[in-house]
Amino acid sequence: MKHPIHRVESFEIVAPYTLQVRFDDETEQVIDFQPVLAGELYGPLRDLTLFNQVKIDSEVRTLVWPNGADFDPATLHDWPEQIEALKAQAQQWETVTA
């Protein structure tokens, strides 16, 4: 089975913890990351100064942060279908780091 490979082309910070992300297939998602900022990797991104240091990795074409956090570009592309599972994972990450 073939899975489409999506690449992030650009993004814009539109609100705290929220990015408008444009993909190579000319689609866009407005993503509020706040519900999934938990655990060891994503929890530090609650610091808005760190969150706003987001960049596009030039090799894999996804969003990356200086602390090593990133998301699969396919997850970003399909965020509305992924968010509930991601929020459930974030709750688990929070209990592990607590």
PDB file of N, CA and C in Angstrom:
ATOM      1  N   MET A   1       0.846  -1.180   0.000  1.00  0.00           N
ATOM      2  CA  MET A   1       0.000   0.000   0.000  1.00  0.00           C
ATOM      3  C   MET A   1       0.894   1.248   0.000  1.00  0.00           C
ATOM      4  N   LYS A   2       0.606   2.158  -0.869  1.00  0.00           N
ATOM      5  CA  LYS A   2       1.379   3.389  -0.946  1.00  0.00           C
ATOM      6  C   LYS A   2       0.771   4.449  -0.048  1.00  0.00           C
ATOM      7  N   HIS A   3       1.641   5.157   0.660  1.00  0.00           N
ATOM      8  CA  HIS A   3       1.214   6.268   1.488  1.00  0.00           C
ATOM      9  C   HIS A   3       1.778   7.539   0.894  1.00  0.00           C
ATOM     10  N   PRO A   4       0.965   8.577   0.793  1.00  0.00           N
ATOM     11  CA  PRO A   4       1.506   9.826   0.262  1.00  0.00           C
ATOM     12  C   PRO A   4       2.564  10.392   1.206  1.00  0.00           C
ATOM     13  N   ILE A   5       3.581  10.957   0.629  1.00  0.00           N
ATOM     14  CA  ILE A   5       4.621  11.618   1.405  1.00  0.00           C
ATOM     15  C   ILE A   5       4.364  13.116   1.320  1.00  0.00           C
ATOM     16  N   HIS A   6       4.151  13.711   2.460  1.00  0.00           N
ATOM     17  CA  HIS A   6       3.872  15.140   2.513  1.00  0.00           C
ATOM     18  C   HIS A   6       5.098  15.880   3.011  1.00  0.00           C
ATOM     19  N   ARG A   7       5.256  17.090   2.520  1.00  0.00           N
ATOM     20  CA  ARG A   7       6.366  17.931   2.950  1.00  0.00           C
ATOM     21  C   ARG A   7       5.835  19.310   3.322  1.00  0.00           C
ATOM     22  N   VAL A   8       6.380  19.850   4.389  1.00  0.00           N
ATOM     23  CA  VAL A   8       6.015  21.203   4.803  1.00  0.00           C
ATOM     24  C   VAL A   8       6.772  22.184   3.909  1.00  0.00           C
ATOM     25  N   GLU A   9       6.032  23.086   3.305  1.00  0.00           N
ATOM     26  CA  GLU A   9       6.639  24.106   2.440  1.00  0.00           C
ATOM     27  C   GLU A   9       6.893  25.406   3.200  1.00  0.00           C
ATOM     28  N   SER A  10       5.955  25.768   4.080  1.00  0.00           N
ATOM     29  CA  SER A  10       6.105  27.001   4.847  1.00  0.00           C
ATOM     30  C   SER A  10       5.155  26.971   6.032  1.00  0.00           C
ATOM     31  N   PHE A  11       5.347  27.919   6.933  1.00  0.00           N
ATOM     32  CA  PHE A  11       4.446  28.043   8.073  1.00  0.00           C
ATOM     33  C   PHE A  11       4.440  29.497   8.520  1.00  0.00           C
ATOM     34  N   GLU A  12       3.418  29.817   9.296  1.00  0.00           N
ATOM     35  CA  GLU A  12       3.300  31.145   9.891  1.00  0.00           C
ATOM     36  C   GLU A  12       2.740  30.976  11.294  1.00  0.00           C
ATOM     37  N   ILE A  13       3.316  31.690  12.243  1.00  0.00           N
ATOM     38  CA  ILE A  13       2.769  31.697  13.603  1.00  0.00           C
ATOM     39  C   ILE A  13       1.546  32.601  13.576  1.00  0.00           C
ATOM     40  N   VAL A  14       0.368  32.057  13.896  1.00  0.00           N
ATOM     41  CA  VAL A  14      -0.870  32.831  13.818  1.00  0.00           C
ATOM     42  C   VAL A  14      -1.479  33.139  15.185  1.00  0.00           C
ATOM     43  N   ALA A  15      -1.013  32.455  16.223  1.00  0.00           N
ATOM     44  CA  ALA A  15      -1.481  32.675  17.596  1.00  0.00           C
ATOM     45  C   ALA A  15      -0.525  31.901  18.495  1.00  0.00           C
ATOM     46  N   PRO A  16      -0.590  32.116  19.813  1.00  0.00           N
ATOM     47  CA  PRO A  16       0.264  31.323  20.699  1.00  0.00           C
ATOM     48  C   PRO A  16       0.048  29.824  20.469  1.00  0.00           C
ATOM     49  N   TYR A  17       1.136  29.110  20.236  1.00  0.00           N
ATOM     50  CA  TYR A  17       1.140  27.659  20.025  1.00  0.00           C
ATOM     51  C   TYR A  17       0.385  27.216  18.775  1.00  0.00           C
ATOM     52  N   THR A  18       0.079  28.139  17.900  1.00  0.00           N
ATOM     53  CA  THR A  18      -0.719  27.825  16.717  1.00  0.00           C
ATOM     54  C   THR A  18       0.015  28.258  15.457  1.00  0.00           C
ATOM     55  N   LEU A  19       0.131  27.311  14.523  1.00  0.00           N
ATOM     56  CA  LEU A  19       0.806  27.571  13.267  1.00  0.00           C
ATOM     57  C   LEU A  19      -0.126  27.285  12.093  1.00  0.00           C
ATOM     58  N   GLN A  20      -0.029  28.103  11.078  1.00  0.00           N
ATOM     59  CA  GLN A  20      -0.662  27.800   9.803  1.00  0.00           C
ATOM     60  C   GLN A  20       0.430  27.155   8.956  1.00  0.00           C
ATOM     61  N   VAL A  21       0.218  25.904   8.572  1.00  0.00           N
ATOM     62  CA  VAL A  21       1.239  25.117   7.897  1.00  0.00           C
ATOM     63  C   VAL A  21       0.781  24.836   6.470  1.00  0.00           C
ATOM     64  N   ARG A  22       1.659  25.116   5.507  1.00  0.00           N
ATOM     65  CA  ARG A  22       1.371  24.854   4.103  1.00  0.00           C
ATOM     66  C   ARG A  22       2.222  23.680   3.615  1.00  0.00           C
ATOM     67  N   PHE A  23       1.588  22.828   2.823  1.00  0.00           N
ATOM     68  CA  PHE A  23       2.226  21.597   2.362  1.00  0.00           C
ATOM     69  C   PHE A  23       2.476  21.632   0.856  1.00  0.00           C
ATOM     70  N   ASP A  24       3.291  20.692   0.408  1.00  0.00           N
ATOM     71  CA  ASP A  24       3.680  20.652  -0.999  1.00  0.00           C
ATOM     72  C   ASP A  24       2.523  20.292  -1.927  1.00  0.00           C
ATOM     73  N   ASP A  25       1.411  19.791  -1.396  1.00  0.00           N
ATOM     74  CA  ASP A  25       0.245  19.509  -2.238  1.00  0.00           C
ATOM     75  C   ASP A  25      -0.735  20.687  -2.252  1.00  0.00           C
ATOM     76  N   GLU A  26      -0.253  21.846  -1.785  1.00  0.00           N
ATOM     77  CA  GLU A  26      -0.996  23.113  -1.777  1.00  0.00           C
ATOM     78  C   GLU A  26      -2.140  23.148  -0.766  1.00  0.00           C
ATOM     79  N   THR A  27      -2.143  22.202   0.198  1.00  0.00           N
ATOM     80  CA  THR A  27      -3.133  22.243   1.268  1.00  0.00           C
ATOM     81  C   THR A  27      -2.526  22.970   2.462  1.00  0.00           C
ATOM     82  N   GLU A  28      -3.381  23.352   3.392  1.00  0.00           N
ATOM     83  CA  GLU A  28      -2.956  24.049   4.604  1.00  0.00           C
ATOM     84  C   GLU A  28      -3.699  23.482   5.803  1.00  0.00           C
ATOM     85  N   GLN A  29      -3.057  23.565   6.952  1.00  0.00           N
ATOM     86  CA  GLN A  29      -3.690  23.238   8.222  1.00  0.00           C
ATOM     87  C   GLN A  29      -3.360  24.354   9.202  1.00  0.00           C
ATOM     88  N   VAL A  30      -4.338  24.763   9.983  1.00  0.00           N
ATOM     89  CA  VAL A  30      -4.073  25.624  11.133  1.00  0.00           C
ATOM     90  C   VAL A  30      -4.058  24.685  12.331  1.00  0.00           C
ATOM     91  N   ILE A  31      -2.893  24.601  12.980  1.00  0.00           N
ATOM     92  CA  ILE A  31      -2.684  23.600  14.026  1.00  0.00           C
ATOM     93  C   ILE A  31      -2.424  24.286  15.359  1.00  0.00           C
ATOM     94  N   ASP A  32      -3.272  23.989  16.335  1.00  0.00           N
ATOM     95  CA  ASP A  32      -3.063  24.416  17.718  1.00  0.00           C
ATOM     96  C   ASP A  32      -2.357  23.261  18.422  1.00  0.00           C
ATOM     97  N   PHE A  33      -1.078  23.451  18.718  1.00  0.00           N
ATOM     98  CA  PHE A  33      -0.266  22.395  19.317  1.00  0.00           C
ATOM     99  C   PHE A  33      -0.456  22.288  20.826  1.00  0.00           C
ATOM    100  N   GLN A  34      -1.071  23.269  21.451  1.00  0.00           N
ATOM    101  CA  GLN A  34      -1.140  23.310  22.912  1.00  0.00           C
ATOM    102  C   GLN A  34      -1.670  22.017  23.542  1.00  0.00           C
ATOM    103  N   PRO A  35      -2.699  21.360  22.983  1.00  0.00           N
ATOM    104  CA  PRO A  35      -3.200  20.142  23.632  1.00  0.00           C
ATOM    105  C   PRO A  35      -2.212  18.977  23.669  1.00  0.00           C
ATOM    106  N   VAL A  36      -1.148  19.033  22.877  1.00  0.00           N
ATOM    107  CA  VAL A  36      -0.210  17.905  22.846  1.00  0.00           C
ATOM    108  C   VAL A  36       1.164  18.268  23.413  1.00  0.00           C
ATOM    109  N   LEU A  37       1.285  19.438  24.012  1.00  0.00           N
ATOM    110  CA  LEU A  37       2.566  19.852  24.573  1.00  0.00           C
ATOM    111  C   LEU A  37       2.724  19.278  25.980  1.00  0.00           C
ATOM    112  N   ALA A  38       3.139  18.024  26.023  1.00  0.00           N
ATOM    113  CA  ALA A  38       3.291  17.304  27.283  1.00  0.00           C
ATOM    114  C   ALA A  38       4.470  16.352  27.158  1.00  0.00           C
ATOM    115  N   GLY A  39       4.914  15.886  28.290  1.00  0.00           N
ATOM    116  CA  GLY A  39       5.977  14.894  28.306  1.00  0.00           C
ATOM    117  C   GLY A  39       7.362  15.501  28.141  1.00  0.00           C
ATOM    118  N   GLU A  40       8.332  14.619  28.087  1.00  0.00           N
ATOM    119  CA  GLU A  40       9.733  15.017  28.048  1.00  0.00           C
ATOM    120  C   GLU A  40      10.114  15.784  26.785  1.00  0.00           C
ATOM    121  N   LEU A  41       9.595  15.357  25.642  1.00  0.00           N
ATOM    122  CA  LEU A  41       9.984  15.964  24.374  1.00  0.00           C
ATOM    123  C   LEU A  41       9.160  17.204  24.032  1.00  0.00           C
ATOM    124  N   TYR A  42       7.857  17.106  24.167  1.00  0.00           N
ATOM    125  CA  TYR A  42       6.977  18.203  23.759  1.00  0.00           C
ATOM    126  C   TYR A  42       6.635  19.163  24.893  1.00  0.00           C
ATOM    127  N   GLY A  43       6.736  18.728  26.133  1.00  0.00           N
ATOM    128  CA  GLY A  43       6.433  19.573  27.283  1.00  0.00           C
ATOM    129  C   GLY A  43       7.231  20.871  27.315  1.00  0.00           C
ATOM    130  N   PRO A  44       8.540  20.831  27.018  1.00  0.00           N
ATOM    131  CA  PRO A  44       9.306  22.081  27.032  1.00  0.00           C
ATOM    132  C   PRO A  44       8.795  23.139  26.042  1.00  0.00           C
ATOM    133  N   LEU A  45       8.040  22.710  25.042  1.00  0.00           N
ATOM    134  CA  LEU A  45       7.513  23.666  24.058  1.00  0.00           C
ATOM    135  C   LEU A  45       6.400  24.532  24.630  1.00  0.00           C
ATOM    136  N   ARG A  46       5.980  24.247  25.876  1.00  0.00           N
ATOM    137  CA  ARG A  46       5.021  25.147  26.535  1.00  0.00           C
ATOM    138  C   ARG A  46       5.658  26.511  26.794  1.00  0.00           C
ATOM    139  N   ASP A  47       6.984  26.540  26.816  1.00  0.00           N
ATOM    140  CA  ASP A  47       7.702  27.823  26.873  1.00  0.00           C
ATOM    141  C   ASP A  47       7.559  28.455  25.490  1.00  0.00           C
ATOM    142  N   LEU A  48       6.761  29.490  25.411  1.00  0.00           N
ATOM    143  CA  LEU A  48       6.436  30.102  24.128  1.00  0.00           C
ATOM    144  C   LEU A  48       7.682  30.593  23.393  1.00  0.00           C
ATOM    145  N   THR A  49       8.694  31.015  24.133  1.00  0.00           N
ATOM    146  CA  THR A  49       9.939  31.446  23.498  1.00  0.00           C
ATOM    147  C   THR A  49      10.569  30.286  22.730  1.00  0.00           C
ATOM    148  N   LEU A  50      10.586  29.101  23.336  1.00  0.00           N
ATOM    149  CA  LEU A  50      11.109  27.915  22.656  1.00  0.00           C
ATOM    150  C   LEU A  50      10.188  27.504  21.510  1.00  0.00           C
ATOM    151  N   PHE A  51       8.884  27.484  21.758  1.00  0.00           N
ATOM    152  CA  PHE A  51       7.940  27.082  20.711  1.00  0.00           C
ATOM    153  C   PHE A  51       8.125  27.942  19.463  1.00  0.00           C
ATOM    154  N   ASN A  52       8.301  29.245  19.655  1.00  0.00           N
ATOM    155  CA  ASN A  52       8.402  30.165  18.522  1.00  0.00           C
ATOM    156  C   ASN A  52       9.718  30.054  17.759  1.00  0.00           C
ATOM    157  N   GLN A  53      10.624  29.194  18.223  1.00  0.00           N
ATOM    158  CA  GLN A  53      11.873  28.959  17.499  1.00  0.00           C
ATOM    159  C   GLN A  53      11.733  27.838  16.462  1.00  0.00           C
ATOM    160  N   VAL A  54      10.504  27.472  16.160  1.00  0.00           N
ATOM    161  CA  VAL A  54      10.223  26.427  15.174  1.00  0.00           C
ATOM    162  C   VAL A  54      10.840  26.785  13.823  1.00  0.00           C
ATOM    163  N   LYS A  55      11.314  25.764  13.147  1.00  0.00           N
ATOM    164  CA  LYS A  55      11.911  25.902  11.812  1.00  0.00           C
ATOM    165  C   LYS A  55      11.454  24.723  10.952  1.00  0.00           C
ATOM    166  N   ILE A  56      11.739  24.815   9.668  1.00  0.00           N
ATOM    167  CA  ILE A  56      11.510  23.685   8.763  1.00  0.00           C
ATOM    168  C   ILE A  56      12.845  22.990   8.540  1.00  0.00           C
ATOM    169  N   ASP A  57      12.894  21.698   8.819  1.00  0.00           N
ATOM    170  CA  ASP A  57      14.095  20.921   8.529  1.00  0.00           C
ATOM    171  C   ASP A  57      14.227  20.807   7.015  1.00  0.00           C
ATOM    172  N   SER A  58      15.342  21.249   6.486  1.00  0.00           N
ATOM    173  CA  SER A  58      15.512  21.299   5.032  1.00  0.00           C
ATOM    174  C   SER A  58      15.621  19.921   4.391  1.00  0.00           C
ATOM    175  N   GLU A  59      15.981  18.918   5.171  1.00  0.00           N
ATOM    176  CA  GLU A  59      16.125  17.579   4.605  1.00  0.00           C
ATOM    177  C   GLU A  59      14.807  16.814   4.580  1.00  0.00           C
ATOM    178  N   VAL A  60      14.117  16.749   5.718  1.00  0.00           N
ATOM    179  CA  VAL A  60      12.880  15.954   5.785  1.00  0.00           C
ATOM    180  C   VAL A  60      11.624  16.795   5.618  1.00  0.00           C
ATOM    181  N   ARG A  61      11.782  18.117   5.560  1.00  0.00           N
ATOM    182  CA  ARG A  61      10.678  19.042   5.293  1.00  0.00           C
ATOM    183  C   ARG A  61       9.531  18.893   6.288  1.00  0.00           C
ATOM    184  N   THR A  62       9.898  18.937   7.567  1.00  0.00           N
ATOM    185  CA  THR A  62       8.897  18.971   8.623  1.00  0.00           C
ATOM    186  C   THR A  62       9.284  20.044   9.623  1.00  0.00           C
ATOM    187  N   LEU A  63       8.390  20.321  10.558  1.00  0.00           N
ATOM    188  CA  LEU A  63       8.655  21.308  11.593  1.00  0.00           C
ATOM    189  C   LEU A  63       9.543  20.694  12.664  1.00  0.00           C
ATOM    190  N   VAL A  64      10.548  21.459  13.087  1.00  0.00           N
ATOM    191  CA  VAL A  64      11.464  21.006  14.136  1.00  0.00           C
ATOM    192  C   VAL A  64      11.721  22.153  15.103  1.00  0.00           C
ATOM    193  N   TRP A  65      12.055  21.779  16.341  1.00  0.00           N
ATOM    194  CA  TRP A  65      12.367  22.749  17.383  1.00  0.00           C
ATOM    195  C   TRP A  65      13.786  22.487  17.892  1.00  0.00           C
ATOM    196  N   PRO A  66      14.415  23.495  18.501  1.00  0.00           N
ATOM    197  CA  PRO A  66      15.799  23.345  18.962  1.00  0.00           C
ATOM    198  C   PRO A  66      16.017  22.220  19.972  1.00  0.00           C
ATOM    199  N   ASN A  67      14.984  21.817  20.705  1.00  0.00           N
ATOM    200  CA  ASN A  67      15.154  20.746  21.700  1.00  0.00           C
ATOM    201  C   ASN A  67      15.035  19.352  21.086  1.00  0.00           C
ATOM    202  N   GLY A  68      14.886  19.267  19.758  1.00  0.00           N
ATOM    203  CA  GLY A  68      14.784  17.973  19.086  1.00  0.00           C
ATOM    204  C   GLY A  68      13.361  17.527  18.805  1.00  0.00           C
ATOM    205  N   ALA A  69      12.380  18.260  19.275  1.00  0.00           N
ATOM    206  CA  ALA A  69      10.982  17.896  19.017  1.00  0.00           C
ATOM    207  C   ALA A  69      10.660  18.094  17.535  1.00  0.00           C
ATOM    208  N   ASP A  70       9.857  17.195  17.013  1.00  0.00           N
ATOM    209  CA  ASP A  70       9.352  17.320  15.646  1.00  0.00           C
ATOM    210  C   ASP A  70       8.101  16.466  15.517  1.00  0.00           C
ATOM    211  N   PHE A  71       7.433  16.612  14.403  1.00  0.00           N
ATOM    212  CA  PHE A  71       6.253  15.805  14.094  1.00  0.00           C
ATOM    213  C   PHE A  71       6.415  15.281  12.676  1.00  0.00           C
ATOM    214  N   ASP A  72       5.958  14.061  12.446  1.00  0.00           N
ATOM    215  CA  ASP A  72       5.951  13.510  11.101  1.00  0.00           C
ATOM    216  C   ASP A  72       5.118  14.443  10.220  1.00  0.00           C
ATOM    217  N   PRO A  73       5.601  14.800   9.033  1.00  0.00           N
ATOM    218  CA  PRO A  73       4.819  15.704   8.190  1.00  0.00           C
ATOM    219  C   PRO A  73       3.458  15.132   7.808  1.00  0.00           C
ATOM    220  N   ALA A  74       3.329  13.816   7.730  1.00  0.00           N
ATOM    221  CA  ALA A  74       2.024  13.216   7.438  1.00  0.00           C
ATOM    222  C   ALA A  74       1.056  13.460   8.591  1.00  0.00           C
ATOM    223  N   THR A  75       1.565  13.425   9.825  1.00  0.00           N
ATOM    224  CA  THR A  75       0.733  13.724  10.991  1.00  0.00           C
ATOM    225  C   THR A  75       0.255  15.167  10.933  1.00  0.00           C
ATOM    226  N   LEU A  76       1.155  16.079  10.596  1.00  0.00           N
ATOM    227  CA  LEU A  76       0.773  17.489  10.479  1.00  0.00           C
ATOM    228  C   LEU A  76      -0.265  17.673   9.378  1.00  0.00           C
ATOM    229  N   HIS A  77      -0.045  17.025   8.255  1.00  0.00           N
ATOM    230  CA  HIS A  77      -0.952  17.149   7.108  1.00  0.00           C
ATOM    231  C   HIS A  77      -2.361  16.672   7.462  1.00  0.00           C
ATOM    232  N   ASP A  78      -2.432  15.608   8.236  1.00  0.00           N
ATOM    233  CA  ASP A  78      -3.723  15.003   8.583  1.00  0.00           C
ATOM    234  C   ASP A  78      -4.120  15.305  10.022  1.00  0.00           C
ATOM    235  N   TRP A  79      -3.700  16.453  10.543  1.00  0.00           N
ATOM    236  CA  TRP A  79      -3.903  16.810  11.944  1.00  0.00           C
ATOM    237  C   TRP A  79      -5.338  16.601  12.428  1.00  0.00           C
ATOM    238  N   PRO A  80      -6.365  17.031  11.718  1.00  0.00           N
ATOM    239  CA  PRO A  80      -7.734  16.842  12.246  1.00  0.00           C
ATOM    240  C   PRO A  80      -8.068  15.376  12.523  1.00  0.00           C
ATOM    241  N   GLU A  81      -7.524  14.471  11.726  1.00  0.00           N
ATOM    242  CA  GLU A  81      -7.774  13.044  11.942  1.00  0.00           C
ATOM    243  C   GLU A  81      -6.881  12.471  13.043  1.00  0.00           C
ATOM    244  N   GLN A  82      -5.794  13.144  13.369  1.00  0.00           N
ATOM    245  CA  GLN A  82      -4.807  12.645  14.317  1.00  0.00           C
ATOM    246  C   GLN A  82      -4.946  13.215  15.733  1.00  0.00           C
ATOM    247  N   ILE A  83      -5.597  14.361  15.876  1.00  0.00           N
ATOM    248  CA  ILE A  83      -5.533  15.118  17.128  1.00  0.00           C
ATOM    249  C   ILE A  83      -6.042  14.346  18.345  1.00  0.00           C
ATOM    250  N   GLU A  84      -7.110  13.605  18.227  1.00  0.00           N
ATOM    251  CA  GLU A  84      -7.647  12.898  19.401  1.00  0.00           C
ATOM    252  C   GLU A  84      -6.663  11.838  19.902  1.00  0.00           C
ATOM    253  N   ALA A  85      -6.049  11.101  18.997  1.00  0.00           N
ATOM    254  CA  ALA A  85      -5.054  10.099  19.400  1.00  0.00           C
ATOM    255  C   ALA A  85      -3.830  10.780  20.006  1.00  0.00           C
ATOM    256  N   LEU A  86      -3.427  11.912  19.432  1.00  0.00           N
ATOM    257  CA  LEU A  86      -2.276  12.646  19.966  1.00  0.00           C
ATOM    258  C   LEU A  86      -2.555  13.187  21.365  1.00  0.00           C
ATOM    259  N   LYS A  87      -3.770  13.682  21.586  1.00  0.00           N
ATOM    260  CA  LYS A  87      -4.122  14.183  22.923  1.00  0.00           C
ATOM    261  C   LYS A  87      -4.101  13.051  23.942  1.00  0.00           C
ATOM    262  N   ALA A  88      -4.577  11.879  23.556  1.00  0.00           N
ATOM    263  CA  ALA A  88      -4.550  10.724  24.456  1.00  0.00           C
ATOM    264  C   ALA A  88      -3.108  10.342  24.777  1.00  0.00           C
ATOM    265  N   GLN A  89      -2.228  10.366  23.780  1.00  0.00           N
ATOM    266  CA  GLN A  89      -0.814  10.073  24.020  1.00  0.00           C
ATOM    267  C   GLN A  89      -0.201  11.116  24.943  1.00  0.00           C
ATOM    268  N   ALA A  90      -0.544  12.382  24.736  1.00  0.00           N
ATOM    269  CA  ALA A  90       0.001  13.458  25.566  1.00  0.00           C
ATOM    270  C   ALA A  90      -0.384  13.261  27.030  1.00  0.00           C
ATOM    271  N   GLN A  91      -1.595  12.793  27.293  1.00  0.00           N
ATOM    272  CA  GLN A  91      -2.007  12.527  28.668  1.00  0.00           C
ATOM    273  C   GLN A  91      -1.147  11.412  29.269  1.00  0.00           C
ATOM    274  N   GLN A  92      -0.816  10.406  28.477  1.00  0.00           N
ATOM    275  CA  GLN A  92       0.053   9.329  28.960  1.00  0.00           C
ATOM    276  C   GLN A  92       1.458   9.849  29.226  1.00  0.00           C
ATOM    277  N   TRP A  93       1.976  10.686  28.325  1.00  0.00           N
ATOM    278  CA  TRP A  93       3.320  11.249  28.515  1.00  0.00           C
ATOM    279  C   TRP A  93       3.369  12.059  29.801  1.00  0.00           C
ATOM    280  N   GLU A  94       2.298  12.796  30.059  1.00  0.00           N
ATOM    281  CA  GLU A  94       2.263  13.653  31.254  1.00  0.00           C
ATOM    282  C   GLU A  94       2.322  12.821  32.522  1.00  0.00           C
ATOM    283  N   THR A  95       1.636  11.672  32.536  1.00  0.00           N
ATOM    284  CA  THR A  95       1.647  10.846  33.750  1.00  0.00           C
ATOM    285  C   THR A  95       3.003  10.160  33.932  1.00  0.00           C
ATOM    286  N   VAL A  96       3.708   9.877  32.851  1.00  0.00           N
ATOM    287  CA  VAL A  96       5.023   9.254  32.944  1.00  0.00           C
ATOM    288  C   VAL A  96       6.046  10.231  33.501  1.00  0.00           C
ATOM    289  N   THR A  97       5.959  11.504  33.111  1.00  0.00           N
ATOM    290  CA  THR A  97       6.937  12.485  33.561  1.00  0.00           C
ATOM    291  C   THR A  97       6.572  13.112  34.899  1.00  0.00           C
ATOM    292  N   ALA A  98       5.354  12.845  35.385  1.00  0.00           N
ATOM    293  CA  ALA A  98       4.923  13.440  36.662  1.00  0.00           C
ATOM    294  C   ALA A  98       5.568  12.753  37.847  1.00  0.00           C
TER     295      ALA A  98
END
